[in-house]
């Protein structure tokens, strides 16, 4: 009977490294959001430009990065958790967005709160779409759809 071979145990498992990637991305995203919030001076009653800016920029970045990861780059275990879950998740903020909208209404500025909600939604969706478009080089459809035979029967597998 052969002697068992001794292998070096992994110090950190793959799921553990994904958690580290998420934490690192989240830390950087949160610091970036903090930097934007310090750079943009706004009134408590006025439009919350800092949160609006990070949420729209984060939506654009998410569209670009996720499209690149899924459609262009080689698969990796750690880039998506780092960039998408970590950085974009830490950079953007739904909780601050909702508190700011509600506070505008509570402070007697309901029009600002309502405009903020709808402008954030519209701009965020547009930014994701623009990010996807930029990542695809101006094409609406991903490369794998463009290279498919347009005359092939979709049910035939080819």
N, C-alpha and C. Protein backbone atom coordinates (compact mmCIF):
# COMPACT_ATOMS: atom_id res chain seq x y z
N UNK A 1 0.84 -1.17 0.00
CA UNK A 1 0.00 0.00 0.00
C UNK A 1 0.89 1.24 0.00
N UNK A 2 0.64 2.16 -0.94
CA UNK A 2 1.47 3.37 -1.02
C UNK A 2 1.19 4.29 0.16
N UNK A 3 2.23 5.00 0.55
CA UNK A 3 2.09 5.95 1.65
C UNK A 3 1.25 7.14 1.19
N UNK A 4 0.39 7.63 2.05
CA UNK A 4 -0.41 8.79 1.65
C UNK A 4 0.48 10.00 1.38
N UNK A 5 0.09 10.72 0.37
CA UNK A 5 0.86 11.94 0.04
C UNK A 5 0.37 13.08 0.91
N UNK A 6 1.29 13.91 1.26
CA UNK A 6 0.96 15.05 2.10
C UNK A 6 0.81 16.28 1.21
N UNK A 7 -0.32 16.92 1.33
CA UNK A 7 -0.55 18.14 0.56
C UNK A 7 -0.58 19.32 1.51
N UNK A 8 -0.22 20.44 0.99
CA UNK A 8 -0.24 21.66 1.78
C UNK A 8 -1.67 22.17 1.82
N UNK A 9 -2.24 22.35 2.99
CA UNK A 9 -3.61 22.85 3.05
C UNK A 9 -3.66 24.32 2.62
N UNK A 10 -4.78 24.67 2.00
CA UNK A 10 -4.96 26.07 1.63
C UNK A 10 -5.12 26.89 2.89
N UNK A 11 -4.45 28.01 2.94
CA UNK A 11 -4.59 28.88 4.10
C UNK A 11 -5.96 29.53 4.14
N UNK A 12 -6.46 29.90 2.97
CA UNK A 12 -7.78 30.50 2.88
C UNK A 12 -8.51 29.81 1.73
N UNK A 13 -9.74 29.37 1.97
CA UNK A 13 -10.52 28.69 0.93
C UNK A 13 -10.97 29.69 -0.13
N UNK A 14 -11.44 29.16 -1.27
CA UNK A 14 -11.94 30.02 -2.34
C UNK A 14 -13.11 30.88 -1.85
N UNK A 15 -14.09 30.31 -1.12
CA UNK A 15 -15.14 31.19 -0.59
C UNK A 15 -14.59 32.25 0.36
N UNK A 16 -13.57 31.89 1.12
CA UNK A 16 -12.95 32.87 2.02
C UNK A 16 -12.28 33.99 1.25
N UNK A 17 -11.64 33.66 0.14
CA UNK A 17 -10.99 34.70 -0.68
C UNK A 17 -12.03 35.59 -1.35
N UNK A 18 -13.18 35.02 -1.72
CA UNK A 18 -14.25 35.85 -2.28
C UNK A 18 -14.74 36.85 -1.23
N UNK A 19 -14.84 36.42 0.01
CA UNK A 19 -15.25 37.33 1.07
C UNK A 19 -14.22 38.44 1.26
N UNK A 20 -12.95 38.08 1.18
CA UNK A 20 -11.89 39.09 1.28
C UNK A 20 -11.99 40.07 0.11
N UNK A 21 -12.26 39.55 -1.10
CA UNK A 21 -12.40 40.42 -2.28
C UNK A 21 -13.57 41.37 -2.10
N UNK A 22 -14.70 40.87 -1.61
CA UNK A 22 -15.88 41.71 -1.37
C UNK A 22 -15.56 42.79 -0.34
N UNK A 23 -14.91 42.38 0.75
CA UNK A 23 -14.57 43.34 1.81
C UNK A 23 -13.62 44.42 1.30
N UNK A 24 -12.62 44.03 0.53
CA UNK A 24 -11.66 45.01 -0.01
C UNK A 24 -12.36 45.97 -0.96
N UNK A 25 -13.18 45.44 -1.86
CA UNK A 25 -13.92 46.30 -2.78
C UNK A 25 -14.88 47.21 -2.04
N UNK A 26 -15.56 46.66 -1.05
CA UNK A 26 -16.50 47.46 -0.26
C UNK A 26 -15.81 48.59 0.49
N UNK A 27 -14.65 48.29 1.04
CA UNK A 27 -13.90 49.33 1.76
C UNK A 27 -13.50 50.45 0.81
N UNK A 28 -13.01 50.10 -0.37
CA UNK A 28 -12.61 51.13 -1.34
C UNK A 28 -13.83 51.91 -1.85
N UNK A 29 -14.92 51.21 -2.11
CA UNK A 29 -16.13 51.89 -2.58
C UNK A 29 -16.69 52.84 -1.55
N UNK A 30 -16.69 52.41 -0.29
CA UNK A 30 -17.18 53.26 0.79
C UNK A 30 -16.31 54.49 0.96
N UNK A 31 -15.00 54.31 0.87
CA UNK A 31 -14.10 55.47 0.97
C UNK A 31 -14.31 56.43 -0.19
N UNK A 32 -14.53 55.89 -1.38
CA UNK A 32 -14.79 56.75 -2.55
C UNK A 32 -16.09 57.53 -2.36
N UNK A 33 -17.12 56.86 -1.85
CA UNK A 33 -18.39 57.56 -1.59
C UNK A 33 -18.19 58.66 -0.56
N UNK A 34 -17.45 58.36 0.48
CA UNK A 34 -17.18 59.37 1.51
C UNK A 34 -16.46 60.57 0.90
N UNK A 35 -15.51 60.31 0.03
CA UNK A 35 -14.77 61.40 -0.63
C UNK A 35 -15.69 62.28 -1.44
N UNK A 36 -16.62 61.69 -2.17
CA UNK A 36 -17.57 62.47 -2.96
C UNK A 36 -18.46 63.28 -2.03
N UNK A 37 -18.93 62.67 -0.94
CA UNK A 37 -19.83 63.39 -0.02
C UNK A 37 -19.13 64.58 0.65
N UNK A 38 -17.82 64.49 0.83
CA UNK A 38 -17.06 65.61 1.41
C UNK A 38 -16.79 66.68 0.37
N UNK A 39 -16.70 66.29 -0.88
CA UNK A 39 -16.37 67.24 -1.95
C UNK A 39 -17.58 68.06 -2.40
N UNK A 40 -18.77 67.52 -2.22
CA UNK A 40 -19.99 68.19 -2.67
C UNK A 40 -20.70 68.78 -1.46
N UNK A 41 -20.79 70.10 -1.41
CA UNK A 41 -21.47 70.77 -0.31
C UNK A 41 -22.93 70.98 -0.73
N UNK A 42 -23.84 70.57 0.16
CA UNK A 42 -25.24 70.72 -0.17
C UNK A 42 -26.05 71.15 1.04
N UNK A 43 -27.20 71.69 0.77
CA UNK A 43 -28.12 72.14 1.82
C UNK A 43 -28.99 70.97 2.26
N UNK A 44 -29.38 70.97 3.52
CA UNK A 44 -30.27 69.93 4.05
C UNK A 44 -31.61 69.95 3.31
N UNK A 45 -32.06 71.10 2.91
CA UNK A 45 -33.35 71.23 2.24
C UNK A 45 -33.25 71.11 0.72
N UNK A 46 -32.05 71.24 0.19
CA UNK A 46 -31.88 71.21 -1.26
C UNK A 46 -31.77 69.80 -1.81
N UNK A 47 -31.47 69.75 -3.06
CA UNK A 47 -31.33 68.47 -3.76
C UNK A 47 -30.06 67.76 -3.28
N UNK A 48 -30.13 66.49 -2.94
CA UNK A 48 -28.96 65.75 -2.43
C UNK A 48 -28.01 65.32 -3.56
N UNK A 49 -27.25 66.27 -4.06
CA UNK A 49 -26.40 66.03 -5.22
C UNK A 49 -25.32 64.98 -5.00
N UNK A 50 -24.74 64.90 -3.83
CA UNK A 50 -23.65 63.95 -3.60
C UNK A 50 -24.14 62.51 -3.74
N UNK A 51 -25.24 62.17 -3.07
CA UNK A 51 -25.78 60.81 -3.16
C UNK A 51 -26.28 60.53 -4.56
N UNK A 52 -26.93 61.51 -5.17
CA UNK A 52 -27.39 61.36 -6.55
C UNK A 52 -26.21 61.04 -7.47
N UNK A 53 -25.12 61.79 -7.31
CA UNK A 53 -23.93 61.59 -8.16
C UNK A 53 -23.31 60.21 -7.97
N UNK A 54 -23.16 59.77 -6.71
CA UNK A 54 -22.53 58.45 -6.52
C UNK A 54 -23.44 57.33 -7.00
N UNK A 55 -24.74 57.47 -6.83
CA UNK A 55 -25.64 56.42 -7.28
C UNK A 55 -25.70 56.33 -8.81
N UNK A 56 -25.69 57.47 -9.48
CA UNK A 56 -25.69 57.46 -10.95
C UNK A 56 -24.33 56.98 -11.48
N UNK A 57 -23.25 57.47 -10.90
CA UNK A 57 -21.91 57.02 -11.32
C UNK A 57 -21.73 55.53 -11.03
N UNK A 58 -22.21 55.08 -9.89
CA UNK A 58 -22.12 53.66 -9.55
C UNK A 58 -22.94 52.80 -10.49
N UNK A 59 -24.09 53.30 -10.92
CA UNK A 59 -24.92 52.56 -11.88
C UNK A 59 -24.20 52.44 -13.22
N UNK A 60 -23.59 53.53 -13.66
CA UNK A 60 -22.81 53.49 -14.91
C UNK A 60 -21.65 52.50 -14.79
N UNK A 61 -20.91 52.61 -13.70
CA UNK A 61 -19.78 51.71 -13.47
C UNK A 61 -20.23 50.26 -13.42
N UNK A 62 -21.34 50.00 -12.77
CA UNK A 62 -21.88 48.65 -12.71
C UNK A 62 -22.20 48.12 -14.10
N UNK A 63 -22.82 48.96 -14.93
CA UNK A 63 -23.13 48.55 -16.31
C UNK A 63 -21.88 48.20 -17.10
N UNK A 64 -20.84 49.04 -16.97
CA UNK A 64 -19.59 48.80 -17.69
C UNK A 64 -18.90 47.53 -17.17
N UNK A 65 -18.67 47.50 -15.87
CA UNK A 65 -17.87 46.41 -15.29
C UNK A 65 -18.57 45.06 -15.44
N UNK A 66 -19.85 45.00 -15.15
CA UNK A 66 -20.54 43.71 -15.25
C UNK A 66 -20.59 43.21 -16.69
N UNK A 67 -20.79 44.12 -17.63
CA UNK A 67 -20.78 43.73 -19.04
C UNK A 67 -19.40 43.22 -19.45
N UNK A 68 -18.37 43.91 -19.02
CA UNK A 68 -17.01 43.47 -19.36
C UNK A 68 -16.70 42.10 -18.73
N UNK A 69 -17.10 41.92 -17.49
CA UNK A 69 -16.83 40.65 -16.81
C UNK A 69 -17.57 39.51 -17.48
N UNK A 70 -18.83 39.71 -17.80
CA UNK A 70 -19.66 38.64 -18.35
C UNK A 70 -19.36 38.39 -19.83
N UNK A 71 -19.12 39.45 -20.59
CA UNK A 71 -19.04 39.30 -22.04
C UNK A 71 -17.65 39.35 -22.64
N UNK A 72 -16.66 39.90 -21.94
CA UNK A 72 -15.37 40.12 -22.57
C UNK A 72 -14.19 39.45 -21.90
N UNK A 73 -14.14 39.50 -20.57
CA UNK A 73 -12.96 39.04 -19.86
C UNK A 73 -13.06 37.57 -19.52
N UNK A 74 -11.91 36.96 -19.32
CA UNK A 74 -11.87 35.56 -18.90
C UNK A 74 -12.49 35.44 -17.51
N UNK A 75 -13.14 34.30 -17.26
CA UNK A 75 -13.76 34.12 -15.94
C UNK A 75 -12.73 34.17 -14.81
N UNK A 76 -13.13 34.76 -13.72
CA UNK A 76 -12.31 34.82 -12.53
C UNK A 76 -13.22 34.70 -11.32
N UNK A 77 -12.72 34.14 -10.25
CA UNK A 77 -13.52 33.97 -9.05
C UNK A 77 -13.66 35.24 -8.24
N UNK A 78 -12.75 36.18 -8.44
CA UNK A 78 -12.65 37.28 -7.49
C UNK A 78 -12.98 38.66 -8.05
N UNK A 79 -12.92 38.86 -9.35
CA UNK A 79 -13.16 40.19 -9.90
C UNK A 79 -14.60 40.63 -9.71
N UNK A 80 -15.54 39.77 -10.02
CA UNK A 80 -16.95 40.13 -9.88
C UNK A 80 -17.30 40.43 -8.41
N UNK A 81 -16.93 39.56 -7.45
CA UNK A 81 -17.22 39.92 -6.06
C UNK A 81 -16.55 41.23 -5.63
N UNK A 82 -15.31 41.44 -6.07
CA UNK A 82 -14.58 42.65 -5.70
C UNK A 82 -15.24 43.90 -6.29
N UNK A 83 -15.42 43.89 -7.61
CA UNK A 83 -15.87 45.10 -8.30
C UNK A 83 -17.38 45.34 -8.18
N UNK A 84 -18.17 44.29 -8.39
CA UNK A 84 -19.62 44.47 -8.44
C UNK A 84 -20.23 44.51 -7.04
N UNK A 85 -20.02 43.44 -6.28
CA UNK A 85 -20.62 43.37 -4.95
C UNK A 85 -19.90 44.33 -4.00
N UNK A 86 -18.59 44.28 -4.01
CA UNK A 86 -17.82 45.09 -3.07
C UNK A 86 -17.79 46.56 -3.41
N UNK A 87 -17.07 46.92 -4.49
CA UNK A 87 -16.87 48.34 -4.79
C UNK A 87 -18.18 49.04 -5.11
N UNK A 88 -18.92 48.54 -6.10
CA UNK A 88 -20.17 49.22 -6.48
C UNK A 88 -21.18 49.20 -5.34
N UNK A 89 -21.22 48.09 -4.60
CA UNK A 89 -22.12 48.00 -3.46
C UNK A 89 -21.75 48.98 -2.36
N UNK A 90 -20.47 49.17 -2.13
CA UNK A 90 -20.02 50.12 -1.12
C UNK A 90 -20.10 51.56 -1.58
N UNK A 91 -19.95 51.78 -2.87
CA UNK A 91 -19.96 53.13 -3.42
C UNK A 91 -21.37 53.70 -3.49
N UNK A 92 -22.31 52.90 -3.99
CA UNK A 92 -23.68 53.37 -4.09
C UNK A 92 -24.39 53.16 -2.76
N UNK A 93 -25.53 53.83 -2.58
CA UNK A 93 -26.21 53.73 -1.31
C UNK A 93 -27.71 53.93 -1.46
N UNK A 94 -28.44 52.85 -1.30
CA UNK A 94 -29.90 52.93 -1.34
C UNK A 94 -30.44 53.49 -0.02
N UNK A 95 -29.82 53.12 1.07
CA UNK A 95 -30.33 53.56 2.38
C UNK A 95 -30.23 55.07 2.53
N UNK A 96 -29.11 55.66 2.16
CA UNK A 96 -28.97 57.11 2.26
C UNK A 96 -29.94 57.80 1.31
N UNK A 97 -30.09 57.25 0.12
CA UNK A 97 -31.04 57.78 -0.86
C UNK A 97 -32.44 57.85 -0.28
N UNK A 98 -32.91 56.78 0.35
CA UNK A 98 -34.28 56.77 0.87
C UNK A 98 -34.43 57.73 2.06
N UNK A 99 -33.43 57.75 2.94
CA UNK A 99 -33.49 58.67 4.08
C UNK A 99 -33.52 60.12 3.59
N UNK A 100 -32.69 60.45 2.62
CA UNK A 100 -32.66 61.82 2.10
C UNK A 100 -33.99 62.20 1.46
N UNK A 101 -34.61 61.28 0.73
CA UNK A 101 -35.90 61.57 0.11
C UNK A 101 -36.97 61.80 1.17
N UNK A 102 -37.03 60.94 2.17
CA UNK A 102 -38.03 61.08 3.23
C UNK A 102 -37.79 62.35 4.04
N UNK A 103 -36.54 62.66 4.33
CA UNK A 103 -36.22 63.88 5.10
C UNK A 103 -36.67 65.14 4.36
N UNK A 104 -36.53 65.17 3.06
CA UNK A 104 -36.98 66.34 2.29
C UNK A 104 -38.48 66.54 2.49
N UNK A 105 -39.24 65.45 2.45
CA UNK A 105 -40.69 65.53 2.65
C UNK A 105 -40.99 65.97 4.09
N UNK A 106 -40.32 65.37 5.06
CA UNK A 106 -40.55 65.71 6.47
C UNK A 106 -40.21 67.17 6.78
N UNK A 107 -39.24 67.70 6.09
CA UNK A 107 -38.81 69.09 6.34
C UNK A 107 -39.61 70.11 5.52
N UNK A 108 -40.69 69.65 4.87
CA UNK A 108 -41.56 70.56 4.15
C UNK A 108 -41.17 70.83 2.71
N UNK A 109 -40.35 69.96 2.14
CA UNK A 109 -39.94 70.12 0.74
C UNK A 109 -40.28 68.86 -0.06
N UNK A 110 -41.59 68.53 -0.12
CA UNK A 110 -41.98 67.28 -0.79
C UNK A 110 -41.63 67.25 -2.28
N UNK A 111 -41.68 68.39 -2.94
CA UNK A 111 -41.35 68.42 -4.37
C UNK A 111 -39.90 68.00 -4.59
N UNK A 112 -38.99 68.46 -3.75
CA UNK A 112 -37.58 68.08 -3.87
C UNK A 112 -37.43 66.58 -3.65
N UNK A 113 -38.11 66.03 -2.64
CA UNK A 113 -38.03 64.60 -2.37
C UNK A 113 -38.56 63.76 -3.51
N UNK A 114 -39.69 64.17 -4.06
CA UNK A 114 -40.30 63.41 -5.16
C UNK A 114 -39.45 63.50 -6.43
N UNK A 115 -38.98 64.70 -6.75
CA UNK A 115 -38.10 64.85 -7.92
C UNK A 115 -36.84 64.02 -7.75
N UNK A 116 -36.30 64.03 -6.54
CA UNK A 116 -35.09 63.25 -6.24
C UNK A 116 -35.31 61.76 -6.50
N UNK A 117 -36.42 61.23 -6.04
CA UNK A 117 -36.72 59.80 -6.23
C UNK A 117 -36.81 59.47 -7.72
N UNK A 118 -37.62 60.22 -8.45
CA UNK A 118 -37.80 59.91 -9.87
C UNK A 118 -36.56 60.21 -10.71
N UNK A 119 -35.85 61.27 -10.38
CA UNK A 119 -34.62 61.58 -11.11
C UNK A 119 -33.56 60.51 -10.85
N UNK A 120 -33.48 60.04 -9.62
CA UNK A 120 -32.50 58.98 -9.29
C UNK A 120 -32.81 57.70 -10.04
N UNK A 121 -34.07 57.33 -10.06
CA UNK A 121 -34.46 56.10 -10.77
C UNK A 121 -34.18 56.22 -12.27
N UNK A 122 -34.62 57.32 -12.87
CA UNK A 122 -34.43 57.51 -14.31
C UNK A 122 -32.95 57.60 -14.67
N UNK A 123 -32.20 58.39 -13.92
CA UNK A 123 -30.78 58.57 -14.21
C UNK A 123 -30.01 57.28 -13.96
N UNK A 124 -30.36 56.54 -12.91
CA UNK A 124 -29.68 55.27 -12.62
C UNK A 124 -29.89 54.25 -13.72
N UNK A 125 -31.14 54.12 -14.18
CA UNK A 125 -31.43 53.18 -15.27
C UNK A 125 -30.72 53.60 -16.56
N UNK A 126 -30.76 54.88 -16.86
CA UNK A 126 -30.07 55.38 -18.05
C UNK A 126 -28.56 55.16 -17.94
N UNK A 127 -28.01 55.35 -16.75
CA UNK A 127 -26.56 55.18 -16.56
C UNK A 127 -26.15 53.73 -16.73
N UNK A 128 -26.93 52.78 -16.23
CA UNK A 128 -26.62 51.36 -16.43
C UNK A 128 -26.65 51.04 -17.92
N UNK A 129 -27.70 51.50 -18.60
CA UNK A 129 -27.81 51.26 -20.04
C UNK A 129 -26.64 51.86 -20.81
N UNK A 130 -26.25 53.07 -20.46
CA UNK A 130 -25.12 53.71 -21.11
C UNK A 130 -23.83 52.96 -20.82
N UNK A 131 -23.67 52.49 -19.59
CA UNK A 131 -22.49 51.71 -19.23
C UNK A 131 -22.38 50.43 -20.04
N UNK A 132 -23.49 49.73 -20.21
CA UNK A 132 -23.51 48.51 -21.04
C UNK A 132 -23.15 48.87 -22.48
N UNK A 133 -23.73 49.93 -22.98
CA UNK A 133 -23.46 50.37 -24.36
C UNK A 133 -21.99 50.72 -24.55
N UNK A 134 -21.40 51.43 -23.60
CA UNK A 134 -19.98 51.78 -23.66
C UNK A 134 -19.12 50.53 -23.63
N UNK A 135 -19.44 49.60 -22.75
CA UNK A 135 -18.65 48.37 -22.64
C UNK A 135 -18.73 47.53 -23.90
N UNK A 136 -19.83 47.62 -24.62
CA UNK A 136 -20.00 46.87 -25.87
C UNK A 136 -19.51 47.65 -27.08
N UNK A 137 -18.86 48.76 -26.88
CA UNK A 137 -18.33 49.54 -27.99
C UNK A 137 -19.42 50.17 -28.84
N UNK A 138 -20.53 50.53 -28.23
CA UNK A 138 -21.62 51.18 -28.95
C UNK A 138 -22.65 50.22 -29.52
N UNK A 139 -22.43 48.93 -29.37
CA UNK A 139 -23.39 47.93 -29.87
C UNK A 139 -24.43 47.64 -28.81
N UNK A 140 -25.66 47.45 -29.24
CA UNK A 140 -26.74 47.16 -28.31
C UNK A 140 -26.69 45.70 -27.86
N UNK A 141 -26.37 44.81 -28.79
CA UNK A 141 -26.37 43.38 -28.47
C UNK A 141 -24.97 42.90 -28.15
N UNK A 142 -24.85 41.87 -27.29
CA UNK A 142 -23.53 41.32 -26.98
C UNK A 142 -22.92 40.65 -28.20
N UNK A 143 -21.60 40.51 -28.19
CA UNK A 143 -20.88 39.92 -29.31
C UNK A 143 -21.41 38.54 -29.68
N UNK A 144 -21.73 37.70 -28.69
CA UNK A 144 -22.15 36.34 -29.02
C UNK A 144 -23.47 36.33 -29.78
N UNK A 145 -24.31 37.33 -29.63
CA UNK A 145 -25.54 37.40 -30.42
C UNK A 145 -25.25 37.92 -31.82
N UNK A 146 -24.26 38.79 -31.94
CA UNK A 146 -23.91 39.34 -33.24
C UNK A 146 -23.23 38.32 -34.13
N UNK A 147 -22.54 37.36 -33.53
CA UNK A 147 -21.81 36.37 -34.33
C UNK A 147 -22.66 35.16 -34.68
N UNK A 148 -23.86 35.06 -34.13
CA UNK A 148 -24.71 33.91 -34.41
C UNK A 148 -25.26 34.03 -35.84
N UNK A 149 -25.55 32.88 -36.44
CA UNK A 149 -26.13 32.83 -37.78
C UNK A 149 -27.57 33.33 -37.71
N UNK A 150 -27.90 34.44 -38.36
CA UNK A 150 -29.25 35.01 -38.25
C UNK A 150 -30.30 34.12 -38.89
N UNK A 151 -29.90 33.21 -39.78
CA UNK A 151 -30.86 32.34 -40.44
C UNK A 151 -31.06 31.02 -39.74
N UNK A 152 -30.28 30.77 -38.66
CA UNK A 152 -30.39 29.50 -37.96
C UNK A 152 -31.68 29.46 -37.14
N UNK A 153 -32.26 28.27 -37.06
CA UNK A 153 -33.46 28.06 -36.27
C UNK A 153 -33.06 28.05 -34.80
N UNK A 154 -33.63 28.94 -33.96
CA UNK A 154 -33.22 29.01 -32.57
C UNK A 154 -33.42 27.69 -31.83
N UNK A 155 -34.36 26.88 -32.25
CA UNK A 155 -34.62 25.62 -31.58
C UNK A 155 -33.70 24.49 -32.01
N UNK A 156 -32.88 24.71 -33.05
CA UNK A 156 -32.05 23.63 -33.56
C UNK A 156 -30.70 23.52 -32.84
N UNK A 157 -30.42 24.47 -31.97
CA UNK A 157 -29.15 24.44 -31.26
C UNK A 157 -27.99 24.96 -32.07
N UNK A 158 -28.21 25.47 -33.25
CA UNK A 158 -27.09 25.92 -34.02
C UNK A 158 -27.32 27.21 -34.62
